[in-house]
Amino acid sequence: MNKIMLIIAMLFSCSCVYSWDGYNRDSSEFIEVEQGNLVRSGLDIEIYHWGDGAYHDEEVIDIYDDELETYDYTTGEYHTYEMD
């Protein structure tokens, strides 16, 4: 039982180390959610937009399947990202 718990803990910790990449079909822009952002509905996260080379503060509206819906405080727009 202890080995199973250790394996689960190791897998969880490894999955939190990497960034989460996505794509906005509306703007044809790639984005990146870097490590350290807790992506949960109602929380604010920082997203790097490759199109303008800047970080945007965004509120997570919803997460479903492989999509992330946010409100971008920088632009005042809602976005839906397809996440990898």
C-alpha atoms as a PDB file:
ATOM      1  CA  MET A   1       0.000   0.000   0.000  1.00  0.00           C
ATOM      2  CA  ASN A   2       2.822   2.420   0.817  1.00  0.00           C
ATOM      3  CA  LYS A   3       4.427   1.768  -2.566  1.00  0.00           C
ATOM      4  CA  ILE A   4       1.195   2.596  -4.372  1.00  0.00           C
ATOM      5  CA  MET A   5       0.835   5.868  -2.462  1.00  0.00           C
ATOM      6  CA  LEU A   6       4.464   6.754  -3.227  1.00  0.00           C
ATOM      7  CA  ILE A   7       3.973   6.091  -6.947  1.00  0.00           C
ATOM      8  CA  ILE A   8       0.816   8.221  -7.028  1.00  0.00           C
ATOM      9  CA  ALA A   9       2.588  11.060  -5.210  1.00  0.00           C
ATOM     10  CA  MET A  10       5.522  10.898  -7.640  1.00  0.00           C
ATOM     11  CA  LEU A  11       3.243  10.955 -10.690  1.00  0.00           C
ATOM     12  CA  PHE A  12       1.288  13.914  -9.329  1.00  0.00           C
ATOM     13  CA  SER A  13       4.403  15.901  -8.481  1.00  0.00           C
ATOM     14  CA  CYS A  14       5.915  15.261 -11.915  1.00  0.00           C
ATOM     15  CA  SER A  15       2.787  16.401 -13.731  1.00  0.00           C
ATOM     16  CA  CYS A  16       2.849  19.770 -11.924  1.00  0.00           C
ATOM     17  CA  VAL A  17       6.390  20.636 -13.027  1.00  0.00           C
ATOM     18  CA  TYR A  18       5.671  21.332 -16.682  1.00  0.00           C
ATOM     19  CA  SER A  19       3.746  24.075 -18.412  1.00  0.00           C
ATOM     20  CA  TRP A  20       0.401  23.577 -20.116  1.00  0.00           C
ATOM     21  CA  ASP A  21       0.225  24.666 -23.771  1.00  0.00           C
ATOM     22  CA  GLY A  22      -2.837  25.782 -25.662  1.00  0.00           C
ATOM     23  CA  TYR A  23      -4.183  27.387 -28.813  1.00  0.00           C
ATOM     24  CA  ASN A  24      -6.827  30.052 -29.405  1.00  0.00           C
ATOM     25  CA  ARG A  25      -8.642  29.318 -32.684  1.00  0.00           C
ATOM     26  CA  ASP A  26     -10.270  32.756 -32.785  1.00  0.00           C
ATOM     27  CA  SER A  27      -6.959  34.645 -32.745  1.00  0.00           C
ATOM     28  CA  SER A  28      -4.711  31.856 -34.118  1.00  0.00           C
ATOM     29  CA  GLU A  29      -2.448  32.388 -31.123  1.00  0.00           C
ATOM     30  CA  PHE A  30      -0.512  29.937 -28.994  1.00  0.00           C
ATOM     31  CA  ILE A  31      -0.516  30.382 -25.220  1.00  0.00           C
ATOM     32  CA  GLU A  32       1.266  28.831 -22.262  1.00  0.00           C
ATOM     33  CA  VAL A  33       0.198  28.377 -18.654  1.00  0.00           C
ATOM     34  CA  GLU A  34       3.457  28.059 -16.747  1.00  0.00           C
ATOM     35  CA  GLN A  35       4.076  25.972 -13.659  1.00  0.00           C
ATOM     36  CA  GLY A  36       2.882  27.425 -10.377  1.00  0.00           C
ATOM     37  CA  ASN A  37      -0.554  28.412 -11.698  1.00  0.00           C
ATOM     38  CA  LEU A  38      -3.419  26.564 -10.012  1.00  0.00           C
ATOM     39  CA  VAL A  39      -5.943  26.237 -12.840  1.00  0.00           C
ATOM     40  CA  ARG A  40      -9.354  26.063 -11.173  1.00  0.00           C
ATOM     41  CA  SER A  41     -12.655  27.807 -11.942  1.00  0.00           C
ATOM     42  CA  GLY A  42     -12.864  31.203 -10.268  1.00  0.00           C
ATOM     43  CA  LEU A  43      -9.104  31.613  -9.765  1.00  0.00           C
ATOM     44  CA  ASP A  44      -6.819  34.090 -11.521  1.00  0.00           C
ATOM     45  CA  ILE A  45      -3.860  32.738 -13.483  1.00  0.00           C
ATOM     46  CA  GLU A  46      -1.077  34.218 -15.558  1.00  0.00           C
ATOM     47  CA  ILE A  47      -0.993  33.167 -19.221  1.00  0.00           C
ATOM     48  CA  TYR A  48       1.841  33.875 -21.648  1.00  0.00           C
ATOM     49  CA  HIS A  49       0.566  34.885 -25.098  1.00  0.00           C
ATOM     50  CA  TRP A  50       3.074  34.076 -27.831  1.00  0.00           C
ATOM     51  CA  GLY A  51       1.301  36.445 -30.253  1.00  0.00           C
ATOM     52  CA  ASP A  52       2.148  39.615 -28.349  1.00  0.00           C
ATOM     53  CA  GLY A  53       4.982  38.209 -26.227  1.00  0.00           C
ATOM     54  CA  ALA A  54       3.325  39.260 -22.982  1.00  0.00           C
ATOM     55  CA  TYR A  55       1.782  37.785 -19.856  1.00  0.00           C
ATOM     56  CA  HIS A  56      -1.935  38.339 -19.303  1.00  0.00           C
ATOM     57  CA  ASP A  57      -3.795  38.017 -15.996  1.00  0.00           C
ATOM     58  CA  GLU A  58      -6.910  35.947 -16.664  1.00  0.00           C
ATOM     59  CA  GLU A  59      -9.744  34.523 -14.587  1.00  0.00           C
ATOM     60  CA  VAL A  60     -10.557  30.856 -15.153  1.00  0.00           C
ATOM     61  CA  ILE A  61     -14.251  30.699 -16.059  1.00  0.00           C
ATOM     62  CA  ASP A  62     -14.516  26.984 -16.836  1.00  0.00           C
ATOM     63  CA  ILE A  63     -12.467  23.897 -17.610  1.00  0.00           C
ATOM     64  CA  TYR A  64     -14.006  21.096 -19.662  1.00  0.00           C
ATOM     65  CA  ASP A  65     -12.486  18.230 -21.595  1.00  0.00           C
ATOM     66  CA  ASP A  66      -9.443  19.758 -23.306  1.00  0.00           C
ATOM     67  CA  GLU A  67     -10.675  23.372 -23.278  1.00  0.00           C
ATOM     68  CA  LEU A  68      -9.982  26.239 -20.916  1.00  0.00           C
ATOM     69  CA  GLU A  69     -12.335  29.237 -20.871  1.00  0.00           C
ATOM     70  CA  THR A  70     -11.004  32.484 -19.369  1.00  0.00           C
ATOM     71  CA  TYR A  71     -11.683  36.184 -18.992  1.00  0.00           C
ATOM     72  CA  ASP A  72      -8.630  38.249 -19.939  1.00  0.00           C
ATOM     73  CA  TYR A  73      -8.298  41.319 -17.680  1.00  0.00           C
ATOM     74  CA  THR A  74      -5.660  42.768 -20.032  1.00  0.00           C
ATOM     75  CA  THR A  75      -7.887  42.868 -23.123  1.00  0.00           C
ATOM     76  CA  GLY A  76     -11.340  42.668 -21.523  1.00  0.00           C
ATOM     77  CA  GLU A  77     -12.213  39.646 -23.685  1.00  0.00           C
ATOM     78  CA  TYR A  78     -13.295  36.065 -23.082  1.00  0.00           C
ATOM     79  CA  HIS A  79     -11.129  33.325 -24.584  1.00  0.00           C
ATOM     80  CA  THR A  80     -11.509  29.600 -25.163  1.00  0.00           C
ATOM     81  CA  TYR A  81      -8.216  27.742 -25.480  1.00  0.00           C
ATOM     82  CA  GLU A  82      -7.727  24.216 -26.786  1.00  0.00           C
ATOM     83  CA  MET A  83      -5.202  22.722 -24.385  1.00  0.00           C
ATOM     84  CA  ASP A  84      -2.630  19.992 -25.048  1.00  0.00           C
END
